[in-house]
Amino acid sequence: MICHLSLLVVLSLFVSQCHGGCAEVDSLTEAVAGEGFLLGCISCKRREEVPARATIDWHFKPLGEEEFRHIFHYNHPSAEILHEDFSDRLQWQGTQNSDIQTGAIYIHKVTFNDTGTYRCTFHRTLFLPQIDEHVTVEKEVELSVVAVANRELTSVISEIMMYVLIVVLQLWLIVVLVYCYKKISDEHEAREARKALKAQAALLESKDNCDGVQLE
């Protein structure tokens, strides 16, 4: 989840600052109550060289209701929060000029009442040589709000692999310590054995010298 969110933010910033590239990435669909959430909405122009201007509208349909509510409007550089349920909780996180391709908004302090369907609408005007072309693009996000973030399978697998790696490294360390201890112990025993042999040889040599003196 976090990855996906980071990728969405990076792509949003990239599209905002550079018209040389655009990638349409789906928004995340699960928010945690009490935390912030980025509602993603990207609509790329088919021809980057064509100048354009766009406005963005966000609508919200609560879970179990039939009608959409108009909650947000952006017409660069003006942003308007249009519904009291989202008062002071919505922040523009999209393109920072009039040629909008990223229409993301950030919801502060998500509540369970924010569960439902969000509709992002691009009203784009393409300034063509002969005649201006008006294009409307709509995208929807089904948002669910949970008390605790659900962990993705990749995150669980990564954590399991991390613990497995830690256990393997610990076992490897124990094996290395045992091997080193045994090797040091064997070297110590061999050194003591050599010392004993030298002492025994010296003792025999001393005894032979004494016997030779007595014979003389």
Protein backbone atom coordinates (compact mmCIF):
# COMPACT_ATOMS: atom_id res chain seq x y z
CA MET A 1 0.00 0.00 0.00
CA ILE A 2 2.64 2.38 0.92
CA CYS A 3 4.44 1.67 -2.37
CA HIS A 4 1.63 2.21 -4.41
CA LEU A 5 0.93 5.51 -2.62
CA SER A 6 4.54 6.65 -3.00
CA LEU A 7 4.45 5.82 -6.72
CA LEU A 8 1.23 7.79 -7.15
CA VAL A 9 2.64 10.84 -5.36
CA VAL A 10 5.88 10.74 -7.38
CA LEU A 11 4.01 10.42 -10.66
CA SER A 12 1.65 13.23 -9.65
CA LEU A 13 4.56 15.55 -8.90
CA PHE A 14 6.32 14.51 -12.09
CA VAL A 15 3.30 15.25 -14.23
CA SER A 16 2.72 18.53 -12.41
CA GLN A 17 6.21 19.80 -13.12
CA CYS A 18 6.93 18.29 -16.53
CA HIS A 19 4.65 17.93 -19.52
CA GLY A 20 7.16 15.65 -21.20
CA GLY A 21 5.59 12.52 -19.71
CA CYS A 22 2.37 11.32 -18.15
CA ALA A 23 1.24 7.97 -16.75
CA GLU A 24 -2.31 7.20 -15.68
CA VAL A 25 -2.16 5.39 -12.34
CA ASP A 26 -5.27 4.25 -10.52
CA SER A 27 -5.96 5.72 -7.11
CA LEU A 28 -5.74 3.67 -3.94
CA THR A 29 -9.13 2.61 -2.61
CA GLU A 30 -8.62 2.04 1.11
CA ALA A 31 -8.21 4.79 3.70
CA VAL A 32 -7.65 4.58 7.45
CA ALA A 33 -9.99 6.50 9.75
CA GLY A 34 -8.30 9.47 11.38
CA GLU A 35 -5.48 9.62 8.86
CA GLY A 36 -5.00 11.51 5.60
CA PHE A 37 -5.66 10.03 2.16
CA LEU A 38 -4.71 11.00 -1.39
CA LEU A 39 -7.50 10.62 -3.94
CA GLY A 40 -5.69 10.11 -7.23
CA CYS A 41 -7.03 11.14 -10.62
CA ILE A 42 -4.82 11.44 -13.71
CA SER A 43 -5.92 12.15 -17.29
CA CYS A 44 -3.09 12.44 -19.81
CA LYS A 45 -3.35 14.47 -23.01
CA ARG A 46 -2.91 12.42 -26.16
CA ARG A 47 -0.76 15.10 -27.77
CA GLU A 48 1.60 16.84 -25.37
CA GLU A 49 2.54 19.56 -27.85
CA VAL A 50 -1.04 20.90 -27.94
CA PRO A 51 -1.62 23.66 -25.37
CA ALA A 52 -4.66 23.18 -23.17
CA ARG A 53 -6.53 24.39 -20.14
CA ALA A 54 -8.57 22.28 -17.75
CA THR A 55 -10.77 22.58 -14.71
CA ILE A 56 -11.45 19.78 -12.23
CA ASP A 57 -14.61 18.85 -10.35
CA TRP A 58 -14.92 16.24 -7.63
CA HIS A 59 -18.27 14.70 -6.68
CA PHE A 60 -19.02 12.30 -3.84
CA LYS A 61 -21.80 9.73 -3.41
CA PRO A 62 -21.93 8.32 0.15
CA LEU A 63 -22.39 4.59 0.62
CA GLY A 64 -26.08 3.68 0.32
CA GLU A 65 -27.14 6.92 -1.38
CA GLU A 66 -28.09 7.54 -4.99
CA GLU A 67 -27.10 11.16 -5.62
CA PHE A 68 -23.63 12.66 -6.04
CA ARG A 69 -22.67 15.77 -4.11
CA HIS A 70 -20.43 18.43 -5.64
CA ILE A 71 -17.60 18.72 -3.11
CA PHE A 72 -14.65 20.40 -4.87
CA HIS A 73 -13.82 22.60 -7.86
CA TYR A 74 -10.38 23.63 -9.12
CA ASN A 75 -9.75 26.31 -11.73
CA HIS A 76 -6.10 27.30 -11.52
CA PRO A 77 -5.11 28.86 -9.24
CA SER A 78 -8.41 28.86 -7.34
CA ALA A 79 -9.58 25.87 -5.26
CA GLU A 80 -13.07 25.73 -3.77
CA ILE A 81 -14.48 23.29 -1.21
CA LEU A 82 -18.20 23.14 -2.01
CA HIS A 83 -19.69 20.88 0.68
CA GLU A 84 -19.74 21.45 4.41
CA ASP A 85 -18.91 17.81 5.21
CA PHE A 86 -15.47 18.41 3.69
CA SER A 87 -14.95 21.92 5.03
CA ASP A 88 -11.23 22.55 5.69
CA ARG A 89 -10.46 18.91 4.89
CA LEU A 90 -9.70 18.98 1.16
CA GLN A 91 -6.42 20.16 -0.34
CA TRP A 92 -5.40 20.37 -3.99
CA GLN A 93 -2.49 18.03 -4.80
CA GLY A 94 -2.64 18.13 -8.59
CA THR A 95 -0.94 20.02 -11.41
CA GLN A 96 0.12 23.50 -10.36
CA ASN A 97 -0.81 25.23 -13.63
CA SER A 98 -3.84 25.54 -15.90
CA ASP A 99 -2.86 22.64 -18.19
CA ILE A 100 -3.99 20.06 -15.63
CA GLN A 101 -3.25 16.38 -16.09
CA THR A 102 -3.18 15.34 -12.44
CA GLY A 103 -6.35 16.18 -10.53
CA ALA A 104 -5.51 14.62 -7.16
CA ILE A 105 -6.93 15.94 -3.89
CA TYR A 106 -5.90 15.13 -0.33
CA ILE A 107 -8.48 14.39 2.38
CA HIS A 108 -7.40 15.33 5.90
CA LYS A 109 -8.70 13.34 8.89
CA VAL A 110 -10.69 10.70 7.04
CA THR A 111 -13.90 9.52 8.74
CA PHE A 112 -16.07 6.46 8.17
CA ASN A 113 -18.65 8.78 6.58
CA ASP A 114 -16.17 9.34 3.73
CA THR A 115 -16.82 5.82 2.47
CA GLY A 116 -18.43 5.86 -0.96
CA THR A 117 -17.86 6.71 -4.61
CA TYR A 118 -15.77 9.69 -5.71
CA ARG A 119 -16.03 11.02 -9.25
CA CYS A 120 -13.28 13.14 -10.76
CA THR A 121 -14.20 15.12 -13.89
CA PHE A 122 -11.76 16.85 -16.25
CA HIS A 123 -13.19 19.65 -18.37
CA ARG A 124 -10.36 20.21 -20.85
CA THR A 125 -10.09 22.67 -23.71
CA LEU A 126 -7.49 21.89 -26.38
CA PHE A 127 -6.31 24.98 -28.26
CA LEU A 128 -6.00 23.66 -31.82
CA PRO A 129 -4.97 25.76 -34.87
CA GLN A 130 -8.39 25.63 -36.54
CA ILE A 131 -10.87 25.32 -33.68
CA ASP A 132 -10.74 24.65 -29.96
CA GLU A 133 -11.76 21.15 -28.87
CA HIS A 134 -13.58 20.48 -25.61
CA VAL A 135 -13.01 17.13 -23.93
CA THR A 136 -14.63 15.74 -20.77
CA VAL A 137 -13.05 12.83 -18.90
CA GLU A 138 -14.61 11.14 -15.86
CA LYS A 139 -12.99 8.71 -13.46
CA GLU A 140 -14.43 7.09 -10.35
CA VAL A 141 -12.83 5.82 -7.15
CA GLU A 142 -14.61 3.43 -4.78
CA LEU A 143 -13.23 4.36 -1.38
CA SER A 144 -13.61 2.22 1.74
CA VAL A 145 -12.57 3.46 5.18
CA VAL A 146 -11.21 0.98 7.72
CA ALA A 147 -10.13 1.25 11.33
CA VAL A 148 -6.74 -0.38 10.72
CA ALA A 149 -4.82 -0.63 7.47
CA ASN A 150 -4.91 -4.05 5.84
CA ARG A 151 -1.46 -5.37 5.13
CA GLU A 152 -0.74 -6.33 1.54
CA LEU A 153 0.49 -9.81 0.68
CA THR A 154 3.83 -8.47 -0.55
CA SER A 155 4.37 -6.74 2.78
CA VAL A 156 3.60 -9.94 4.72
CA ILE A 157 5.90 -12.00 2.48
CA SER A 158 8.68 -9.42 2.85
CA GLU A 159 8.38 -9.52 6.63
CA ILE A 160 8.40 -13.33 6.68
CA MET A 161 11.49 -13.39 4.46
CA MET A 162 13.16 -10.88 6.76
CA TYR A 163 12.56 -13.09 9.82
CA VAL A 164 13.70 -16.19 7.91
CA LEU A 165 16.88 -14.37 6.90
CA ILE A 166 17.49 -13.29 10.50
CA VAL A 167 17.08 -16.90 11.74
CA VAL A 168 19.35 -18.25 8.98
CA LEU A 169 22.02 -15.65 9.79
CA GLN A 170 21.82 -16.50 13.49
CA LEU A 171 22.19 -20.23 12.77
CA TRP A 172 25.10 -19.50 10.44
CA LEU A 173 26.73 -17.40 13.16
CA ILE A 174 26.32 -20.21 15.69
CA VAL A 175 27.88 -22.70 13.25
CA VAL A 176 30.80 -20.34 12.62
CA LEU A 177 31.33 -19.80 16.36
CA VAL A 178 31.28 -23.56 17.03
CA TYR A 179 33.70 -24.18 14.15
CA CYS A 180 36.06 -21.46 15.32
CA TYR A 181 35.91 -22.68 18.92
CA LYS A 182 36.66 -26.25 17.83
CA LYS A 183 39.53 -25.11 15.61
CA ILE A 184 41.04 -22.98 18.38
CA SER A 185 40.62 -25.85 20.86
CA ASP A 186 42.32 -28.30 18.49
CA GLU A 187 45.20 -25.87 17.90
CA HIS A 188 45.57 -25.35 21.64
CA GLU A 189 45.66 -29.12 22.24
CA ALA A 190 48.19 -29.56 19.44
CA ARG A 191 50.34 -26.76 20.87
CA GLU A 192 50.22 -28.32 24.35
CA ALA A 193 51.11 -31.70 22.86
CA ARG A 194 54.15 -30.18 21.08
CA LYS A 195 55.19 -28.52 24.32
CA ALA A 196 54.93 -31.84 26.15
CA LEU A 197 57.00 -33.60 23.49
CA LYS A 198 59.66 -30.88 23.65
CA ALA A 199 59.72 -31.07 27.45
CA GLN A 200 59.99 -34.87 27.27
CA ALA A 201 62.80 -34.64 24.70
CA ALA A 202 64.64 -32.09 26.82
CA LEU A 203 64.24 -34.31 29.86
CA LEU A 204 65.60 -37.33 27.98
CA GLU A 205 68.53 -35.27 26.65
CA SER A 206 69.31 -34.02 30.15
CA LYS A 207 69.17 -37.57 31.48
CA ASP A 208 71.52 -38.79 28.73
CA ASN A 209 74.00 -36.01 29.56
CA CYS A 210 73.90 -36.94 33.24
CA ASP A 211 74.51 -40.63 32.43
CA GLY A 212 77.47 -39.70 30.25
CA VAL A 213 79.04 -37.66 33.02
CA GLN A 214 78.65 -40.49 35.51
CA LEU A 215 80.33 -42.96 33.13
CA GLU A 216 83.35 -40.71 32.77
